[in-house]
Amino acid sequence: MANRLRNRSTDCGRLVEEETETIVEMITWFTDIVNGLEALGKTYKESEKVMKILMSLPSKWHTKVTTIQEAKDLTKLPMEELIGSLMRYEINLTKKLQ
């Protein structure tokens, strides 16, 4: 059990979005890891999950990450609000690239 917890914790710590991965895919992957860790007894505060997601985004997201960090209290930012904001930004990025 200790090895499984360590492996999943490592996966969560190395969370890095692939350039071709959508926010929904990334959040699904992240949620699967966190749920697996919780099943093994490891828990994360909401603010820790928010920070892990923000830190994992690739450089093309730097502007959005900075905006969120400056405009929001990350210790109180709900995951749903973060995900919604990232999804809207992703849609706008996609439109700009077309």
PDB file of N, CA and C in Angstrom:
ATOM      1  N   MET A   1       0.815  -1.186   0.000  1.00  0.00           N
ATOM      2  CA  MET A   1       0.000   0.000   0.000  1.00  0.00           C
ATOM      3  C   MET A   1       0.865   1.258   0.000  1.00  0.00           C
ATOM      4  N   ALA A   2       1.947   1.275   0.738  1.00  0.00           N
ATOM      5  CA  ALA A   2       2.823   2.441   0.787  1.00  0.00           C
ATOM      6  C   ALA A   2       3.411   2.748  -0.590  1.00  0.00           C
ATOM      7  N   ASN A   3       3.785   1.686  -1.338  1.00  0.00           N
ATOM      8  CA  ASN A   3       4.333   1.897  -2.679  1.00  0.00           C
ATOM      9  C   ASN A   3       3.295   2.487  -3.622  1.00  0.00           C
ATOM     10  N   ARG A   4       2.047   2.003  -3.552  1.00  0.00           N
ATOM     11  CA  ARG A   4       0.985   2.529  -4.421  1.00  0.00           C
ATOM     12  C   ARG A   4       0.726   3.990  -4.098  1.00  0.00           C
ATOM     13  N   LEU A   5       0.718   4.340  -2.805  1.00  0.00           N
ATOM     14  CA  LEU A   5       0.510   5.717  -2.404  1.00  0.00           C
ATOM     15  C   LEU A   5       1.651   6.595  -2.910  1.00  0.00           C
ATOM     16  N   ARG A   6       2.873   6.123  -2.774  1.00  0.00           N
ATOM     17  CA  ARG A   6       4.037   6.879  -3.234  1.00  0.00           C
ATOM     18  C   ARG A   6       3.987   7.065  -4.757  1.00  0.00           C
ATOM     19  N   ASN A   7       3.637   6.014  -5.501  1.00  0.00           N
ATOM     20  CA  ASN A   7       3.559   6.108  -6.963  1.00  0.00           C
ATOM     21  C   ASN A   7       2.491   7.099  -7.398  1.00  0.00           C
ATOM     22  N   ARG A   8       1.325   7.040  -6.792  1.00  0.00           N
ATOM     23  CA  ARG A   8       0.246   7.964  -7.159  1.00  0.00           C
ATOM     24  C   ARG A   8       0.603   9.391  -6.771  1.00  0.00           C
ATOM     25  N   SER A   9       1.224   9.577  -5.604  1.00  0.00           N
ATOM     26  CA  SER A   9       1.648  10.909  -5.182  1.00  0.00           C
ATOM     27  C   SER A   9       2.660  11.476  -6.159  1.00  0.00           C
ATOM     28  N   THR A  10       3.553  10.640  -6.639  1.00  0.00           N
ATOM     29  CA  THR A  10       4.536  11.063  -7.632  1.00  0.00           C
ATOM     30  C   THR A  10       3.842  11.469  -8.918  1.00  0.00           C
ATOM     31  N   ASP A  11       2.859  10.681  -9.359  1.00  0.00           N
ATOM     32  CA  ASP A  11       2.092  11.029 -10.559  1.00  0.00           C
ATOM     33  C   ASP A  11       1.438  12.396 -10.398  1.00  0.00           C
ATOM     34  N   CYS A  12       0.851  12.631  -9.252  1.00  0.00           N
ATOM     35  CA  CYS A  12       0.157  13.894  -9.005  1.00  0.00           C
ATOM     36  C   CYS A  12       1.163  15.046  -8.960  1.00  0.00           C
ATOM     37  N   GLY A  13       2.313  14.814  -8.394  1.00  0.00           N
ATOM     38  CA  GLY A  13       3.343  15.851  -8.329  1.00  0.00           C
ATOM     39  C   GLY A  13       3.936  16.187  -9.685  1.00  0.00           C
ATOM     40  N   ARG A  14       3.893  15.253 -10.613  1.00  0.00           N
ATOM     41  CA  ARG A  14       4.456  15.451 -11.941  1.00  0.00           C
ATOM     42  C   ARG A  14       3.402  15.834 -12.970  1.00  0.00           C
ATOM     43  N   LEU A  15       2.246  16.229 -12.504  1.00  0.00           N
ATOM     44  CA  LEU A  15       1.147  16.564 -13.397  1.00  0.00           C
ATOM     45  C   LEU A  15       1.584  17.669 -14.355  1.00  0.00           C
ATOM     46  N   VAL A  16       1.664  17.338 -15.607  1.00  0.00           N
ATOM     47  CA  VAL A  16       1.999  18.318 -16.642  1.00  0.00           C
ATOM     48  C   VAL A  16       1.096  18.046 -17.835  1.00  0.00           C
ATOM     49  N   GLU A  17       0.397  19.074 -18.242  1.00  0.00           N
ATOM     50  CA  GLU A  17      -0.510  18.899 -19.365  1.00  0.00           C
ATOM     51  C   GLU A  17       0.279  18.790 -20.662  1.00  0.00           C
ATOM     52  N   GLU A  18      -0.108  17.855 -21.478  1.00  0.00           N
ATOM     53  CA  GLU A  18       0.467  17.741 -22.811  1.00  0.00           C
ATOM     54  C   GLU A  18      -0.094  18.876 -23.661  1.00  0.00           C
ATOM     55  N   GLU A  19       0.676  19.351 -24.608  1.00  0.00           N
ATOM     56  CA  GLU A  19       0.237  20.451 -25.466  1.00  0.00           C
ATOM     57  C   GLU A  19      -1.049  20.138 -26.212  1.00  0.00           C
ATOM     58  N   THR A  20      -1.291  18.872 -26.527  1.00  0.00           N
ATOM     59  CA  THR A  20      -2.478  18.497 -27.302  1.00  0.00           C
ATOM     60  C   THR A  20      -3.647  18.086 -26.419  1.00  0.00           C
ATOM     61  N   GLU A  21      -3.440  18.023 -25.140  1.00  0.00           N
ATOM     62  CA  GLU A  21      -4.469  17.579 -24.211  1.00  0.00           C
ATOM     63  C   GLU A  21      -5.424  18.728 -23.885  1.00  0.00           C
ATOM     64  N   THR A  22      -6.721  18.434 -23.846  1.00  0.00           N
ATOM     65  CA  THR A  22      -7.690  19.461 -23.491  1.00  0.00           C
ATOM     66  C   THR A  22      -7.769  19.602 -21.976  1.00  0.00           C
ATOM     67  N   ILE A  23      -8.369  20.698 -21.532  1.00  0.00           N
ATOM     68  CA  ILE A  23      -8.552  20.904 -20.096  1.00  0.00           C
ATOM     69  C   ILE A  23      -9.413  19.791 -19.510  1.00  0.00           C
ATOM     70  N   VAL A  24     -10.456  19.402 -20.207  1.00  0.00           N
ATOM     71  CA  VAL A  24     -11.325  18.328 -19.715  1.00  0.00           C
ATOM     72  C   VAL A  24     -10.533  17.029 -19.543  1.00  0.00           C
ATOM     73  N   GLU A  25      -9.688  16.698 -20.521  1.00  0.00           N
ATOM     74  CA  GLU A  25      -8.864  15.486 -20.420  1.00  0.00           C
ATOM     75  C   GLU A  25      -7.892  15.583 -19.248  1.00  0.00           C
ATOM     76  N   MET A  26      -7.285  16.743 -19.090  1.00  0.00           N
ATOM     77  CA  MET A  26      -6.326  16.939 -18.010  1.00  0.00           C
ATOM     78  C   MET A  26      -7.015  16.834 -16.648  1.00  0.00           C
ATOM     79  N   ILE A  27      -8.173  17.466 -16.498  1.00  0.00           N
ATOM     80  CA  ILE A  27      -8.893  17.440 -15.233  1.00  0.00           C
ATOM     81  C   ILE A  27      -9.376  16.017 -14.924  1.00  0.00           C
ATOM     82  N   THR A  28      -9.800  15.296 -15.940  1.00  0.00           N
ATOM     83  CA  THR A  28     -10.229  13.905 -15.742  1.00  0.00           C
ATOM     84  C   THR A  28      -9.065  13.067 -15.228  1.00  0.00           C
ATOM     85  N   TRP A  29      -7.904  13.220 -15.853  1.00  0.00           N
ATOM     86  CA  TRP A  29      -6.707  12.489 -15.437  1.00  0.00           C
ATOM     87  C   TRP A  29      -6.329  12.862 -14.005  1.00  0.00           C
ATOM     88  N   PHE A  30      -6.338  14.160 -13.712  1.00  0.00           N
ATOM     89  CA  PHE A  30      -6.001  14.663 -12.386  1.00  0.00           C
ATOM     90  C   PHE A  30      -6.968  14.097 -11.335  1.00  0.00           C
ATOM     91  N   THR A  31      -8.261  14.119 -11.638  1.00  0.00           N
ATOM     92  CA  THR A  31      -9.278  13.617 -10.718  1.00  0.00           C
ATOM     93  C   THR A  31      -9.094  12.127 -10.451  1.00  0.00           C
ATOM     94  N   ASP A  32      -8.765  11.374 -11.487  1.00  0.00           N
ATOM     95  CA  ASP A  32      -8.506   9.940 -11.317  1.00  0.00           C
ATOM     96  C   ASP A  32      -7.347   9.705 -10.348  1.00  0.00           C
ATOM     97  N   ILE A  33      -6.298  10.480 -10.490  1.00  0.00           N
ATOM     98  CA  ILE A  33      -5.137  10.332  -9.598  1.00  0.00           C
ATOM     99  C   ILE A  33      -5.513  10.700  -8.168  1.00  0.00           C
ATOM    100  N   VAL A  34      -6.180  11.841  -8.006  1.00  0.00           N
ATOM    101  CA  VAL A  34      -6.569  12.287  -6.664  1.00  0.00           C
ATOM    102  C   VAL A  34      -7.520  11.281  -6.012  1.00  0.00           C
ATOM    103  N   ASN A  35      -8.492  10.768  -6.776  1.00  0.00           N
ATOM    104  CA  ASN A  35      -9.411   9.768  -6.223  1.00  0.00           C
ATOM    105  C   ASN A  35      -8.666   8.504  -5.803  1.00  0.00           C
ATOM    106  N   GLY A  36      -7.685   8.098  -6.601  1.00  0.00           N
ATOM    107  CA  GLY A  36      -6.873   6.941  -6.240  1.00  0.00           C
ATOM    108  C   GLY A  36      -6.084   7.176  -4.967  1.00  0.00           C
ATOM    109  N   LEU A  37      -5.547   8.365  -4.818  1.00  0.00           N
ATOM    110  CA  LEU A  37      -4.810   8.710  -3.601  1.00  0.00           C
ATOM    111  C   LEU A  37      -5.729   8.732  -2.387  1.00  0.00           C
ATOM    112  N   GLU A  38      -6.924   9.300  -2.579  1.00  0.00           N
ATOM    113  CA  GLU A  38      -7.872   9.328  -1.464  1.00  0.00           C
ATOM    114  C   GLU A  38      -8.278   7.927  -1.035  1.00  0.00           C
ATOM    115  N   ALA A  39      -8.400   7.029  -1.996  1.00  0.00           N
ATOM    116  CA  ALA A  39      -8.724   5.632  -1.670  1.00  0.00           C
ATOM    117  C   ALA A  39      -7.610   4.990  -0.854  1.00  0.00           C
ATOM    118  N   LEU A  40      -6.395   5.496  -1.016  1.00  0.00           N
ATOM    119  CA  LEU A  40      -5.246   4.973  -0.273  1.00  0.00           C
ATOM    120  C   LEU A  40      -4.981   5.751   1.018  1.00  0.00           C
ATOM    121  N   GLY A  41      -5.833   6.744   1.304  1.00  0.00           N
ATOM    122  CA  GLY A  41      -5.706   7.489   2.556  1.00  0.00           C
ATOM    123  C   GLY A  41      -5.035   8.841   2.460  1.00  0.00           C
ATOM    124  N   LYS A  42      -4.582   9.242   1.293  1.00  0.00           N
ATOM    125  CA  LYS A  42      -3.938  10.552   1.118  1.00  0.00           C
ATOM    126  C   LYS A  42      -4.999  11.558   0.682  1.00  0.00           C
ATOM    127  N   THR A  43      -5.000  12.716   1.300  1.00  0.00           N
ATOM    128  CA  THR A  43      -5.968  13.737   0.912  1.00  0.00           C
ATOM    129  C   THR A  43      -5.243  15.044   0.596  1.00  0.00           C
ATOM    130  N   TYR A  44      -5.896  15.851  -0.217  1.00  0.00           N
ATOM    131  CA  TYR A  44      -5.389  17.172  -0.577  1.00  0.00           C
ATOM    132  C   TYR A  44      -6.461  18.203  -0.274  1.00  0.00           C
ATOM    133  N   LYS A  45      -6.050  19.366   0.208  1.00  0.00           N
ATOM    134  CA  LYS A  45      -6.974  20.483   0.367  1.00  0.00           C
ATOM    135  C   LYS A  45      -7.357  20.977  -1.020  1.00  0.00           C
ATOM    136  N   GLU A  46      -8.494  21.615  -1.104  1.00  0.00           N
ATOM    137  CA  GLU A  46      -8.950  22.188  -2.374  1.00  0.00           C
ATOM    138  C   GLU A  46      -7.891  23.147  -2.937  1.00  0.00           C
ATOM    139  N   SER A  47      -7.302  23.953  -2.072  1.00  0.00           N
ATOM    140  CA  SER A  47      -6.293  24.918  -2.522  1.00  0.00           C
ATOM    141  C   SER A  47      -5.047  24.223  -3.078  1.00  0.00           C
ATOM    142  N   GLU A  48      -4.689  23.061  -2.532  1.00  0.00           N
ATOM    143  CA  GLU A  48      -3.546  22.307  -3.058  1.00  0.00           C
ATOM    144  C   GLU A  48      -3.841  21.781  -4.454  1.00  0.00           C
ATOM    145  N   LYS A  49      -5.069  21.318  -4.658  1.00  0.00           N
ATOM    146  CA  LYS A  49      -5.458  20.825  -5.980  1.00  0.00           C
ATOM    147  C   LYS A  49      -5.445  21.969  -6.997  1.00  0.00           C
ATOM    148  N   VAL A  50      -5.964  23.119  -6.603  1.00  0.00           N
ATOM    149  CA  VAL A  50      -5.975  24.295  -7.485  1.00  0.00           C
ATOM    150  C   VAL A  50      -4.545  24.655  -7.886  1.00  0.00           C
ATOM    151  N   MET A  51      -3.648  24.698  -6.920  1.00  0.00           N
ATOM    152  CA  MET A  51      -2.258  25.058  -7.224  1.00  0.00           C
ATOM    153  C   MET A  51      -1.584  24.024  -8.118  1.00  0.00           C
ATOM    154  N   LYS A  52      -1.833  22.742  -7.883  1.00  0.00           N
ATOM    155  CA  LYS A  52      -1.230  21.699  -8.721  1.00  0.00           C
ATOM    156  C   LYS A  52      -1.691  21.834 -10.174  1.00  0.00           C
ATOM    157  N   ILE A  53      -2.955  22.131 -10.356  1.00  0.00           N
ATOM    158  CA  ILE A  53      -3.469  22.302 -11.719  1.00  0.00           C
ATOM    159  C   ILE A  53      -2.831  23.524 -12.367  1.00  0.00           C
ATOM    160  N   LEU A  54      -2.801  24.636 -11.673  1.00  0.00           N
ATOM    161  CA  LEU A  54      -2.216  25.856 -12.252  1.00  0.00           C
ATOM    162  C   LEU A  54      -0.736  25.662 -12.594  1.00  0.00           C
ATOM    163  N   MET A  55      -0.010  24.977 -11.733  1.00  0.00           N
ATOM    164  CA  MET A  55       1.426  24.766 -11.966  1.00  0.00           C
ATOM    165  C   MET A  55       1.688  23.791 -13.101  1.00  0.00           C
ATOM    166  N   SER A  56       0.695  22.994 -13.441  1.00  0.00           N
ATOM    167  CA  SER A  56       0.900  21.968 -14.453  1.00  0.00           C
ATOM    168  C   SER A  56       0.639  22.446 -15.878  1.00  0.00           C
ATOM    169  N   LEU A  57       0.049  23.605 -16.016  1.00  0.00           N
ATOM    170  CA  LEU A  57      -0.315  24.070 -17.354  1.00  0.00           C
ATOM    171  C   LEU A  57       0.916  24.476 -18.157  1.00  0.00           C
ATOM    172  N   PRO A  58       0.904  24.209 -19.459  1.00  0.00           N
ATOM    173  CA  PRO A  58       2.066  24.558 -20.293  1.00  0.00           C
ATOM    174  C   PRO A  58       2.199  26.078 -20.467  1.00  0.00           C
ATOM    175  N   SER A  59       3.275  26.491 -21.052  1.00  0.00           N
ATOM    176  CA  SER A  59       3.614  27.911 -21.152  1.00  0.00           C
ATOM    177  C   SER A  59       2.571  28.748 -21.888  1.00  0.00           C
ATOM    178  N   LYS A  60       1.837  28.156 -22.827  1.00  0.00           N
ATOM    179  CA  LYS A  60       0.825  28.941 -23.552  1.00  0.00           C
ATOM    180  C   LYS A  60      -0.286  29.421 -22.611  1.00  0.00           C
ATOM    181  N   TRP A  61      -0.372  28.849 -21.420  1.00  0.00           N
ATOM    182  CA  TRP A  61      -1.367  29.222 -20.420  1.00  0.00           C
ATOM    183  C   TRP A  61      -0.836  30.229 -19.397  1.00  0.00           C
ATOM    184  N   HIS A  62       0.417  30.646 -19.536  1.00  0.00           N
ATOM    185  CA  HIS A  62       1.067  31.498 -18.532  1.00  0.00           C
ATOM    186  C   HIS A  62       0.258  32.768 -18.237  1.00  0.00           C
ATOM    187  N   THR A  63      -0.258  33.409 -19.266  1.00  0.00           N
ATOM    188  CA  THR A  63      -1.020  34.641 -19.078  1.00  0.00           C
ATOM    189  C   THR A  63      -2.256  34.391 -18.227  1.00  0.00           C
ATOM    190  N   LYS A  64      -2.970  33.317 -18.509  1.00  0.00           N
ATOM    191  CA  LYS A  64      -4.185  32.992 -17.756  1.00  0.00           C
ATOM    192  C   LYS A  64      -3.846  32.628 -16.316  1.00  0.00           C
ATOM    193  N   VAL A  65      -2.803  31.857 -16.118  1.00  0.00           N
ATOM    194  CA  VAL A  65      -2.391  31.464 -14.765  1.00  0.00           C
ATOM    195  C   VAL A  65      -2.057  32.711 -13.950  1.00  0.00           C
ATOM    196  N   THR A  66      -1.293  33.622 -14.533  1.00  0.00           N
ATOM    197  CA  THR A  66      -0.923  34.854 -13.836  1.00  0.00           C
ATOM    198  C   THR A  66      -2.163  35.675 -13.491  1.00  0.00           C
ATOM    199  N   THR A  67      -3.085  35.775 -14.424  1.00  0.00           N
ATOM    200  CA  THR A  67      -4.323  36.521 -14.187  1.00  0.00           C
ATOM    201  C   THR A  67      -5.104  35.926 -13.021  1.00  0.00           C
ATOM    202  N   ILE A  68      -5.238  34.615 -13.000  1.00  0.00           N
ATOM    203  CA  ILE A  68      -5.964  33.942 -11.913  1.00  0.00           C
ATOM    204  C   ILE A  68      -5.248  34.160 -10.585  1.00  0.00           C
ATOM    205  N   GLN A  69      -3.932  34.015 -10.585  1.00  0.00           N
ATOM    206  CA  GLN A  69      -3.166  34.176  -9.348  1.00  0.00           C
ATOM    207  C   GLN A  69      -3.299  35.593  -8.789  1.00  0.00           C
ATOM    208  N   GLU A  70      -3.346  36.579  -9.663  1.00  0.00           N
ATOM    209  CA  GLU A  70      -3.430  37.967  -9.218  1.00  0.00           C
ATOM    210  C   GLU A  70      -4.853  38.380  -8.835  1.00  0.00           C
ATOM    211  N   ALA A  71      -5.854  37.787  -9.485  1.00  0.00           N
ATOM    212  CA  ALA A  71      -7.242  38.225  -9.279  1.00  0.00           C
ATOM    213  C   ALA A  71      -7.989  37.426  -8.211  1.00  0.00           C
ATOM    214  N   LYS A  72      -7.526  36.253  -7.909  1.00  0.00           N
ATOM    215  CA  LYS A  72      -8.275  35.364  -7.014  1.00  0.00           C
ATOM    216  C   LYS A  72      -7.474  35.024  -5.763  1.00  0.00           C
ATOM    217  N   ASP A  73      -8.199  34.755  -4.697  1.00  0.00           N
ATOM    218  CA  ASP A  73      -7.597  34.201  -3.487  1.00  0.00           C
ATOM    219  C   ASP A  73      -7.563  32.689  -3.694  1.00  0.00           C
ATOM    220  N   LEU A  74      -6.402  32.155  -4.020  1.00  0.00           N
ATOM    221  CA  LEU A  74      -6.284  30.742  -4.376  1.00  0.00           C
ATOM    222  C   LEU A  74      -6.614  29.803  -3.221  1.00  0.00           C
ATOM    223  N   THR A  75      -6.576  30.309  -1.999  1.00  0.00           N
ATOM    224  CA  THR A  75      -6.933  29.459  -0.852  1.00  0.00           C
ATOM    225  C   THR A  75      -8.443  29.263  -0.765  1.00  0.00           C
ATOM    226  N   LYS A  76      -9.205  30.100  -1.498  1.00  0.00           N
ATOM    227  CA  LYS A  76     -10.666  30.013  -1.458  1.00  0.00           C
ATOM    228  C   LYS A  76     -11.290  29.731  -2.818  1.00  0.00           C
ATOM    229  N   LEU A  77     -10.466  29.581  -3.847  1.00  0.00           N
ATOM    230  CA  LEU A  77     -10.974  29.370  -5.204  1.00  0.00           C
ATOM    231  C   LEU A  77     -11.484  27.935  -5.363  1.00  0.00           C
ATOM    232  N   PRO A  78     -12.794  27.762  -5.630  1.00  0.00           N
ATOM    233  CA  PRO A  78     -13.323  26.409  -5.830  1.00  0.00           C
ATOM    234  C   PRO A  78     -12.807  25.808  -7.143  1.00  0.00           C
ATOM    235  N   MET A  79     -12.607  24.498  -7.141  1.00  0.00           N
ATOM    236  CA  MET A  79     -12.145  23.802  -8.342  1.00  0.00           C
ATOM    237  C   MET A  79     -13.083  24.049  -9.520  1.00  0.00           C
ATOM    238  N   GLU A  80     -14.391  24.047  -9.254  1.00  0.00           N
ATOM    239  CA  GLU A  80     -15.369  24.244 -10.329  1.00  0.00           C
ATOM    240  C   GLU A  80     -15.174  25.591 -11.013  1.00  0.00           C
ATOM    241  N   GLU A  81     -14.901  26.614 -10.225  1.00  0.00           N
ATOM    242  CA  GLU A  81     -14.680  27.950 -10.785  1.00  0.00           C
ATOM    243  C   GLU A  81     -13.391  27.977 -11.611  1.00  0.00           C
ATOM    244  N   LEU A  82     -12.340  27.348 -11.094  1.00  0.00           N
ATOM    245  CA  LEU A  82     -11.077  27.276 -11.834  1.00  0.00           C
ATOM    246  C   LEU A  82     -11.271  26.541 -13.155  1.00  0.00           C
ATOM    247  N   ILE A  83     -11.923  25.398 -13.109  1.00  0.00           N
ATOM    248  CA  ILE A  83     -12.127  24.592 -14.318  1.00  0.00           C
ATOM    249  C   ILE A  83     -12.950  25.372 -15.343  1.00  0.00           C
ATOM    250  N   GLY A  84     -14.004  26.037 -14.901  1.00  0.00           N
ATOM    251  CA  GLY A  84     -14.822  26.843 -15.806  1.00  0.00           C
ATOM    252  C   GLY A  84     -14.020  27.943 -16.458  1.00  0.00           C
ATOM    253  N   SER A  85     -13.193  28.609 -15.681  1.00  0.00           N
ATOM    254  CA  SER A  85     -12.345  29.680 -16.204  1.00  0.00           C
ATOM    255  C   SER A  85     -11.345  29.146 -17.227  1.00  0.00           C
ATOM    256  N   LEU A  86     -10.742  28.014 -16.929  1.00  0.00           N
ATOM    257  CA  LEU A  86      -9.775  27.412 -17.853  1.00  0.00           C
ATOM    258  C   LEU A  86     -10.447  26.933 -19.136  1.00  0.00           C
ATOM    259  N   MET A  87     -11.645  26.402 -19.010  1.00  0.00           N
ATOM    260  CA  MET A  87     -12.369  25.936 -20.200  1.00  0.00           C
ATOM    261  C   MET A  87     -12.735  27.115 -21.109  1.00  0.00           C
ATOM    262  N   ARG A  88     -13.179  28.225 -20.525  1.00  0.00           N
ATOM    263  CA  ARG A  88     -13.494  29.409 -21.330  1.00  0.00           C
ATOM    264  C   ARG A  88     -12.239  29.930 -22.039  1.00  0.00           C
ATOM    265  N   TYR A  89     -11.127  29.943 -21.327  1.00  0.00           N
ATOM    266  CA  TYR A  89      -9.876  30.406 -21.919  1.00  0.00           C
ATOM    267  C   TYR A  89      -9.441  29.483 -23.057  1.00  0.00           C
ATOM    268  N   GLU A  90      -9.604  28.185 -22.864  1.00  0.00           N
ATOM    269  CA  GLU A  90      -9.244  27.208 -23.893  1.00  0.00           C
ATOM    270  C   GLU A  90     -10.080  27.438 -25.160  1.00  0.00           C
ATOM    271  N   ILE A  91     -11.364  27.696 -24.988  1.00  0.00           N
ATOM    272  CA  ILE A  91     -12.232  27.979 -26.140  1.00  0.00           C
ATOM    273  C   ILE A  91     -11.745  29.222 -26.873  1.00  0.00           C
ATOM    274  N   ASN A  92     -11.397  30.257 -26.127  1.00  0.00           N
ATOM    275  CA  ASN A  92     -10.890  31.483 -26.755  1.00  0.00           C
ATOM    276  C   ASN A  92      -9.559  31.254 -27.465  1.00  0.00           C
ATOM    277  N   LEU A  93      -8.669  30.455 -26.867  1.00  0.00           N
ATOM    278  CA  LEU A  93      -7.396  30.125 -27.524  1.00  0.00           C
ATOM    279  C   LEU A  93      -7.638  29.391 -28.842  1.00  0.00           C
ATOM    280  N   THR A  94      -8.547  28.444 -28.805  1.00  0.00           N
ATOM    281  CA  THR A  94      -8.863  27.654 -29.995  1.00  0.00           C
ATOM    282  C   THR A  94      -9.416  28.546 -31.101  1.00  0.00           C
ATOM    283  N   LYS A  95     -10.292  29.474 -30.746  1.00  0.00           N
ATOM    284  CA  LYS A  95     -10.862  30.402 -31.737  1.00  0.00           C
ATOM    285  C   LYS A  95      -9.789  31.281 -32.361  1.00  0.00           C
ATOM    286  N   LYS A  96      -8.836  31.728 -31.566  1.00  0.00           N
ATOM    287  CA  LYS A  96      -7.758  32.591 -32.055  1.00  0.00           C
ATOM    288  C   LYS A  96      -6.836  31.847 -33.034  1.00  0.00           C
ATOM    289  N   LEU A  97      -6.680  30.552 -32.811  1.00  0.00           N
ATOM    290  CA  LEU A  97      -5.772  29.762 -33.636  1.00  0.00           C
ATOM    291  C   LEU A  97      -6.426  29.331 -34.960  1.00  0.00           C
ATOM    292  N   GLN A  98      -7.732  29.489 -35.094  1.00  0.00           N
ATOM    293  CA  GLN A  98      -8.415  29.062 -36.312  1.00  0.00           C
ATOM    294  C   GLN A  98      -8.373  30.138 -37.373  1.00  0.00           C
TER     295      GLN A  98
END
